[in-house]
Amino acid sequence: MTIKEKIAGGLYGLITGDALGVPYEFHGSWELPPYDKIEMTPPACFHRSHAGIEPGTWSDDGAQALCLLDSLLCCGKFNLEDFSQRLSSWYQEGLWAVRGIVFDVGVQTGEALHAHSMGMPPKMWFSAPGRKRQRRLDAGAPPGPVASRHRPGTGNGCPQAMPDYSWPHLQSGLLCFILSHRPFSVAGIGI
């Protein structure tokens, strides 16, 4: 298998795993159906998350990964400003979202993109002097889709499987890198 085939397989796995996880997002493990009943369309008795979203739809995680891939392919390397603009286009216009519908946004992502829409450079948002990170859930959410109010750790990252590391770890690392422009490591690989 070539490196190109491995990368394509990883991306297909990421998007498929993300779409599989959407209906089960924000549920504790004890609330999930048995493993052999987990499908894109959950069992009829299961109270699925995002009931109005059609089965097989990837979430904000998949759309953000596609924004990153799009930016890398267009620029030939990581370009913070280009990637930030593509994330803003996803958030505001539905770029890379299925049918252009953005139905969920993580709290940190919403805060960062709100700051970006206000003109603050992405690599300065968390490092601005005297700036304390605030949760906007109680103080008024930023414009755009409502930030999640669900229990921490119950997002749809659990069903997603990527080679050698988990998507939530990669996503967190990418977010930290983008916002602070500091290096991080994924599975022992410095980026």
C-alpha atoms as a PDB file:
ATOM      1  CA  MET A   1       0.000   0.000   0.000  1.00  0.00           C
ATOM      2  CA  THR A   2       1.413   3.406  -0.978  1.00  0.00           C
ATOM      3  CA  ILE A   3       1.571   6.409   1.337  1.00  0.00           C
ATOM      4  CA  LYS A   4      -1.083   8.105  -0.810  1.00  0.00           C
ATOM      5  CA  GLU A   5      -3.397   5.100  -0.342  1.00  0.00           C
ATOM      6  CA  LYS A   6      -2.739   5.098   3.414  1.00  0.00           C
ATOM      7  CA  ILE A   7      -3.557   8.803   3.679  1.00  0.00           C
ATOM      8  CA  ALA A   8      -6.732   8.355   1.609  1.00  0.00           C
ATOM      9  CA  GLY A   9      -7.744   5.395   3.793  1.00  0.00           C
ATOM     10  CA  GLY A  10      -7.151   7.435   6.936  1.00  0.00           C
ATOM     11  CA  LEU A  11      -9.300  10.272   5.592  1.00  0.00           C
ATOM     12  CA  TYR A  12     -12.096   7.907   4.557  1.00  0.00           C
ATOM     13  CA  GLY A  13     -11.923   6.335   8.019  1.00  0.00           C
ATOM     14  CA  LEU A  14     -11.985   9.717   9.725  1.00  0.00           C
ATOM     15  CA  ILE A  15     -15.035  10.949   7.778  1.00  0.00           C
ATOM     16  CA  THR A  16     -16.882   7.634   8.077  1.00  0.00           C
ATOM     17  CA  GLY A  17     -16.133   7.335  11.799  1.00  0.00           C
ATOM     18  CA  ASP A  18     -17.212  10.927  12.335  1.00  0.00           C
ATOM     19  CA  ALA A  19     -20.518  10.351  10.506  1.00  0.00           C
ATOM     20  CA  LEU A  20     -21.091   7.136  12.452  1.00  0.00           C
ATOM     21  CA  GLY A  21     -20.551   8.999  15.732  1.00  0.00           C
ATOM     22  CA  VAL A  22     -22.929  11.925  15.062  1.00  0.00           C
ATOM     23  CA  PRO A  23     -26.175  10.272  16.266  1.00  0.00           C
ATOM     24  CA  TYR A  24     -24.430   8.973  19.422  1.00  0.00           C
ATOM     25  CA  GLU A  25     -22.704  12.247  20.328  1.00  0.00           C
ATOM     26  CA  PHE A  26     -23.204  13.546  23.892  1.00  0.00           C
ATOM     27  CA  HIS A  27     -24.361  10.186  25.263  1.00  0.00           C
ATOM     28  CA  GLY A  28     -22.498   8.345  27.986  1.00  0.00           C
ATOM     29  CA  SER A  29     -21.124   4.905  27.109  1.00  0.00           C
ATOM     30  CA  TRP A  30     -23.803   3.288  29.309  1.00  0.00           C
ATOM     31  CA  GLU A  31     -26.515   4.885  27.121  1.00  0.00           C
ATOM     32  CA  LEU A  32     -25.225   3.550  23.794  1.00  0.00           C
ATOM     33  CA  PRO A  33     -26.771   0.555  22.036  1.00  0.00           C
ATOM     34  CA  PRO A  34     -24.784  -2.697  21.998  1.00  0.00           C
ATOM     35  CA  TYR A  35     -21.804  -2.618  19.646  1.00  0.00           C
ATOM     36  CA  ASP A  36     -23.523  -4.785  17.016  1.00  0.00           C
ATOM     37  CA  LYS A  37     -26.476  -2.338  16.874  1.00  0.00           C
ATOM     38  CA  ILE A  38     -24.415   0.801  16.201  1.00  0.00           C
ATOM     39  CA  GLU A  39     -25.187   1.947  12.661  1.00  0.00           C
ATOM     40  CA  MET A  40     -25.459   5.266  10.801  1.00  0.00           C
ATOM     41  CA  THR A  41     -29.175   5.083  11.647  1.00  0.00           C
ATOM     42  CA  PRO A  42     -29.483   4.141  15.336  1.00  0.00           C
ATOM     43  CA  PRO A  43     -32.083   1.670  16.634  1.00  0.00           C
ATOM     44  CA  ALA A  44     -35.616   3.132  16.739  1.00  0.00           C
ATOM     45  CA  CYS A  45     -35.699   3.250  20.551  1.00  0.00           C
ATOM     46  CA  PHE A  46     -32.449   5.259  20.796  1.00  0.00           C
ATOM     47  CA  HIS A  47     -32.790   9.021  21.356  1.00  0.00           C
ATOM     48  CA  ARG A  48     -30.250  10.218  18.808  1.00  0.00           C
ATOM     49  CA  SER A  49     -28.353  13.494  18.898  1.00  0.00           C
ATOM     50  CA  HIS A  50     -29.025  15.953  16.077  1.00  0.00           C
ATOM     51  CA  ALA A  51     -32.339  14.284  15.160  1.00  0.00           C
ATOM     52  CA  GLY A  52     -32.889  16.635  12.214  1.00  0.00           C
ATOM     53  CA  ILE A  53     -29.586  15.740  10.558  1.00  0.00           C
ATOM     54  CA  GLU A  54     -29.714  12.947   7.994  1.00  0.00           C
ATOM     55  CA  PRO A  55     -27.781   9.725   8.717  1.00  0.00           C
ATOM     56  CA  GLY A  56     -24.286   9.617   7.235  1.00  0.00           C
ATOM     57  CA  THR A  57     -23.641  13.332   7.811  1.00  0.00           C
ATOM     58  CA  TRP A  58     -20.208  14.159   9.195  1.00  0.00           C
ATOM     59  CA  SER A  59     -19.890  16.719  11.953  1.00  0.00           C
ATOM     60  CA  ASP A  60     -17.811  19.807  12.612  1.00  0.00           C
ATOM     61  CA  ASP A  61     -14.818  17.515  13.170  1.00  0.00           C
ATOM     62  CA  GLY A  62     -14.999  16.083   9.646  1.00  0.00           C
ATOM     63  CA  ALA A  63     -15.633  19.470   8.053  1.00  0.00           C
ATOM     64  CA  GLN A  64     -12.664  21.004   9.897  1.00  0.00           C
ATOM     65  CA  ALA A  65     -10.414  18.127   8.799  1.00  0.00           C
ATOM     66  CA  LEU A  66     -11.510  18.724   5.195  1.00  0.00           C
ATOM     67  CA  CYS A  67     -10.790  22.456   5.601  1.00  0.00           C
ATOM     68  CA  LEU A  68      -7.279  21.544   6.732  1.00  0.00           C
ATOM     69  CA  LEU A  69      -6.799  19.139   3.818  1.00  0.00           C
ATOM     70  CA  ASP A  70      -8.137  21.752   1.374  1.00  0.00           C
ATOM     71  CA  SER A  71      -5.736  24.357   2.735  1.00  0.00           C
ATOM     72  CA  LEU A  72      -2.741  21.995   2.653  1.00  0.00           C
ATOM     73  CA  LEU A  73      -3.485  20.979  -0.938  1.00  0.00           C
ATOM     74  CA  CYS A  74      -4.008  24.581  -2.103  1.00  0.00           C
ATOM     75  CA  CYS A  75      -0.993  26.063  -0.315  1.00  0.00           C
ATOM     76  CA  GLY A  76       1.378  23.102  -0.482  1.00  0.00           C
ATOM     77  CA  LYS A  77       2.175  23.483   3.233  1.00  0.00           C
ATOM     78  CA  PHE A  78       0.490  24.615   6.440  1.00  0.00           C
ATOM     79  CA  ASN A  79      -0.586  28.252   6.112  1.00  0.00           C
ATOM     80  CA  LEU A  80      -2.208  29.589   9.287  1.00  0.00           C
ATOM     81  CA  GLU A  81      -4.065  32.452   7.636  1.00  0.00           C
ATOM     82  CA  ASP A  82      -5.434  30.313   4.791  1.00  0.00           C
ATOM     83  CA  PHE A  83      -6.543  27.562   7.180  1.00  0.00           C
ATOM     84  CA  SER A  84      -8.165  30.120   9.502  1.00  0.00           C
ATOM     85  CA  GLN A  85     -10.047  31.631   6.579  1.00  0.00           C
ATOM     86  CA  ARG A  86     -11.297  28.208   5.476  1.00  0.00           C
ATOM     87  CA  LEU A  87     -12.459  27.460   9.034  1.00  0.00           C
ATOM     88  CA  SER A  88     -14.287  30.807   9.071  1.00  0.00           C
ATOM     89  CA  SER A  89     -15.893  29.927   5.722  1.00  0.00           C
ATOM     90  CA  TRP A  90     -17.029  26.613   7.209  1.00  0.00           C
ATOM     91  CA  TYR A  91     -18.454  28.319  10.299  1.00  0.00           C
ATOM     92  CA  GLN A  92     -20.208  31.154   8.468  1.00  0.00           C
ATOM     93  CA  GLU A  93     -21.061  29.603   5.069  1.00  0.00           C
ATOM     94  CA  GLY A  94     -20.958  25.833   5.556  1.00  0.00           C
ATOM     95  CA  LEU A  95     -17.785  25.141   3.533  1.00  0.00           C
ATOM     96  CA  TRP A  96     -17.174  21.357   3.602  1.00  0.00           C
ATOM     97  CA  ALA A  97     -20.280  20.797   5.741  1.00  0.00           C
ATOM     98  CA  VAL A  98     -22.773  18.301   4.311  1.00  0.00           C
ATOM     99  CA  ARG A  99     -25.389  20.326   2.388  1.00  0.00           C
ATOM    100  CA  GLY A 100     -23.705  23.462   3.811  1.00  0.00           C
ATOM    101  CA  ILE A 101     -25.357  22.929   7.218  1.00  0.00           C
ATOM    102  CA  VAL A 102     -23.263  23.621  10.331  1.00  0.00           C
ATOM    103  CA  PHE A 103     -25.229  22.003  13.160  1.00  0.00           C
ATOM    104  CA  ASP A 104     -22.722  21.858  16.004  1.00  0.00           C
ATOM    105  CA  VAL A 105     -19.648  23.802  17.039  1.00  0.00           C
ATOM    106  CA  GLY A 106     -17.357  23.017  19.955  1.00  0.00           C
ATOM    107  CA  VAL A 107     -16.986  25.720  22.593  1.00  0.00           C
ATOM    108  CA  GLN A 108     -13.278  26.453  21.982  1.00  0.00           C
ATOM    109  CA  THR A 109     -13.730  26.391  18.222  1.00  0.00           C
ATOM    110  CA  GLY A 110     -16.691  28.783  18.418  1.00  0.00           C
ATOM    111  CA  GLU A 111     -14.729  31.157  20.641  1.00  0.00           C
ATOM    112  CA  ALA A 112     -11.684  31.114  18.371  1.00  0.00           C
ATOM    113  CA  LEU A 113     -13.711  31.661  15.204  1.00  0.00           C
ATOM    114  CA  HIS A 114     -15.688  34.451  16.853  1.00  0.00           C
ATOM    115  CA  ALA A 115     -12.385  36.156  17.754  1.00  0.00           C
ATOM    116  CA  HIS A 116     -11.195  35.642  14.174  1.00  0.00           C
ATOM    117  CA  SER A 117     -14.416  37.218  12.829  1.00  0.00           C
ATOM    118  CA  MET A 118     -13.720  40.237  15.054  1.00  0.00           C
ATOM    119  CA  GLY A 119     -10.351  40.683  13.334  1.00  0.00           C
ATOM    120  CA  MET A 120      -8.016  39.165  15.913  1.00  0.00           C
ATOM    121  CA  PRO A 121      -5.229  37.126  14.267  1.00  0.00           C
ATOM    122  CA  PRO A 122      -5.684  33.433  15.118  1.00  0.00           C
ATOM    123  CA  LYS A 123      -2.235  32.937  16.632  1.00  0.00           C
ATOM    124  CA  MET A 124      -2.816  35.797  19.088  1.00  0.00           C
ATOM    125  CA  TRP A 125      -6.283  34.994  20.403  1.00  0.00           C
ATOM    126  CA  PHE A 126      -5.387  32.890  23.463  1.00  0.00           C
ATOM    127  CA  SER A 127      -2.080  34.660  24.003  1.00  0.00           C
ATOM    128  CA  ALA A 128      -3.439  38.235  24.040  1.00  0.00           C
ATOM    129  CA  PRO A 129      -2.043  40.092  27.106  1.00  0.00           C
ATOM    130  CA  GLY A 130      -4.444  39.971  30.034  1.00  0.00           C
ATOM    131  CA  ARG A 131      -6.944  37.882  28.048  1.00  0.00           C
ATOM    132  CA  LYS A 132      -8.645  35.222  30.102  1.00  0.00           C
ATOM    133  CA  ARG A 133     -10.388  32.486  28.175  1.00  0.00           C
ATOM    134  CA  GLN A 134     -14.100  32.601  28.862  1.00  0.00           C
ATOM    135  CA  ARG A 135     -16.825  30.099  28.208  1.00  0.00           C
ATOM    136  CA  ARG A 136     -19.463  31.919  26.196  1.00  0.00           C
ATOM    137  CA  LEU A 137     -22.252  29.497  27.048  1.00  0.00           C
ATOM    138  CA  ASP A 138     -23.548  31.570  29.961  1.00  0.00           C
ATOM    139  CA  ALA A 139     -22.305  34.952  28.771  1.00  0.00           C
ATOM    140  CA  GLY A 140     -23.985  34.748  25.366  1.00  0.00           C
ATOM    141  CA  ALA A 141     -22.763  32.435  22.634  1.00  0.00           C
ATOM    142  CA  PRO A 142     -20.856  33.833  19.645  1.00  0.00           C
ATOM    143  CA  PRO A 143     -22.779  34.307  16.406  1.00  0.00           C
ATOM    144  CA  GLY A 144     -23.392  31.161  14.427  1.00  0.00           C
ATOM    145  CA  PRO A 145     -24.470  27.703  15.550  1.00  0.00           C
ATOM    146  CA  VAL A 146     -25.025  27.238  19.266  1.00  0.00           C
ATOM    147  CA  ALA A 147     -22.068  25.894  21.182  1.00  0.00           C
ATOM    148  CA  SER A 148     -22.617  22.559  22.866  1.00  0.00           C
ATOM    149  CA  ARG A 149     -23.969  22.429  26.425  1.00  0.00           C
ATOM    150  CA  HIS A 150     -23.457  18.670  26.799  1.00  0.00           C
ATOM    151  CA  ARG A 151     -21.265  16.758  29.231  1.00  0.00           C
ATOM    152  CA  PRO A 152     -17.533  16.964  28.520  1.00  0.00           C
ATOM    153  CA  GLY A 153     -16.053  13.839  26.983  1.00  0.00           C
ATOM    154  CA  THR A 154     -19.291  12.681  25.345  1.00  0.00           C
ATOM    155  CA  GLY A 155     -18.655  14.062  21.864  1.00  0.00           C
ATOM    156  CA  ASN A 156     -18.507  11.864  18.801  1.00  0.00           C
ATOM    157  CA  GLY A 157     -14.728  11.447  18.845  1.00  0.00           C
ATOM    158  CA  CYS A 158     -14.935   8.049  20.538  1.00  0.00           C
ATOM    159  CA  PRO A 159     -16.171   6.069  17.498  1.00  0.00           C
ATOM    160  CA  GLN A 160     -13.600   7.642  15.219  1.00  0.00           C
ATOM    161  CA  ALA A 161     -10.479   5.607  14.683  1.00  0.00           C
ATOM    162  CA  MET A 162      -7.296   6.856  13.082  1.00  0.00           C
ATOM    163  CA  PRO A 163      -4.011   4.979  12.782  1.00  0.00           C
ATOM    164  CA  ASP A 164      -1.744   5.341  15.858  1.00  0.00           C
ATOM    165  CA  TYR A 165      -3.629   8.196  17.534  1.00  0.00           C
ATOM    166  CA  SER A 166      -7.134   9.368  18.244  1.00  0.00           C
ATOM    167  CA  TRP A 167      -8.891  12.140  16.341  1.00  0.00           C
ATOM    168  CA  PRO A 168      -9.792  14.056  19.545  1.00  0.00           C
ATOM    169  CA  HIS A 169      -6.075  14.122  20.446  1.00  0.00           C
ATOM    170  CA  LEU A 170      -5.134  15.298  16.967  1.00  0.00           C
ATOM    171  CA  GLN A 171      -7.952  17.870  16.910  1.00  0.00           C
ATOM    172  CA  SER A 172      -6.936  19.251  20.316  1.00  0.00           C
ATOM    173  CA  GLY A 173      -3.314  19.411  19.241  1.00  0.00           C
ATOM    174  CA  LEU A 174      -4.199  21.178  15.997  1.00  0.00           C
ATOM    175  CA  LEU A 175      -6.398  23.683  17.833  1.00  0.00           C
ATOM    176  CA  CYS A 176      -3.614  24.454  20.321  1.00  0.00           C
ATOM    177  CA  PHE A 177      -1.105  24.801  17.490  1.00  0.00           C
ATOM    178  CA  ILE A 178      -3.355  27.062  15.451  1.00  0.00           C
ATOM    179  CA  LEU A 179      -4.302  29.322  18.321  1.00  0.00           C
ATOM    180  CA  SER A 180      -0.928  29.567  20.011  1.00  0.00           C
ATOM    181  CA  HIS A 181       1.310  28.744  17.009  1.00  0.00           C
ATOM    182  CA  ARG A 182       3.378  26.542  19.316  1.00  0.00           C
ATOM    183  CA  PRO A 183       4.649  23.099  18.297  1.00  0.00           C
ATOM    184  CA  PHE A 184       2.918  19.962  19.540  1.00  0.00           C
ATOM    185  CA  SER A 185       3.431  16.261  19.140  1.00  0.00           C
ATOM    186  CA  VAL A 186       1.135  13.597  17.733  1.00  0.00           C
ATOM    187  CA  ALA A 187       2.124   9.990  18.420  1.00  0.00           C
ATOM    188  CA  GLY A 188       5.713  11.094  19.012  1.00  0.00           C
ATOM    189  CA  ILE A 189       5.940  13.035  15.754  1.00  0.00           C
ATOM    190  CA  GLY A 190       6.801  16.698  16.341  1.00  0.00           C
ATOM    191  CA  ILE A 191       4.831  19.113  14.192  1.00  0.00           C
END
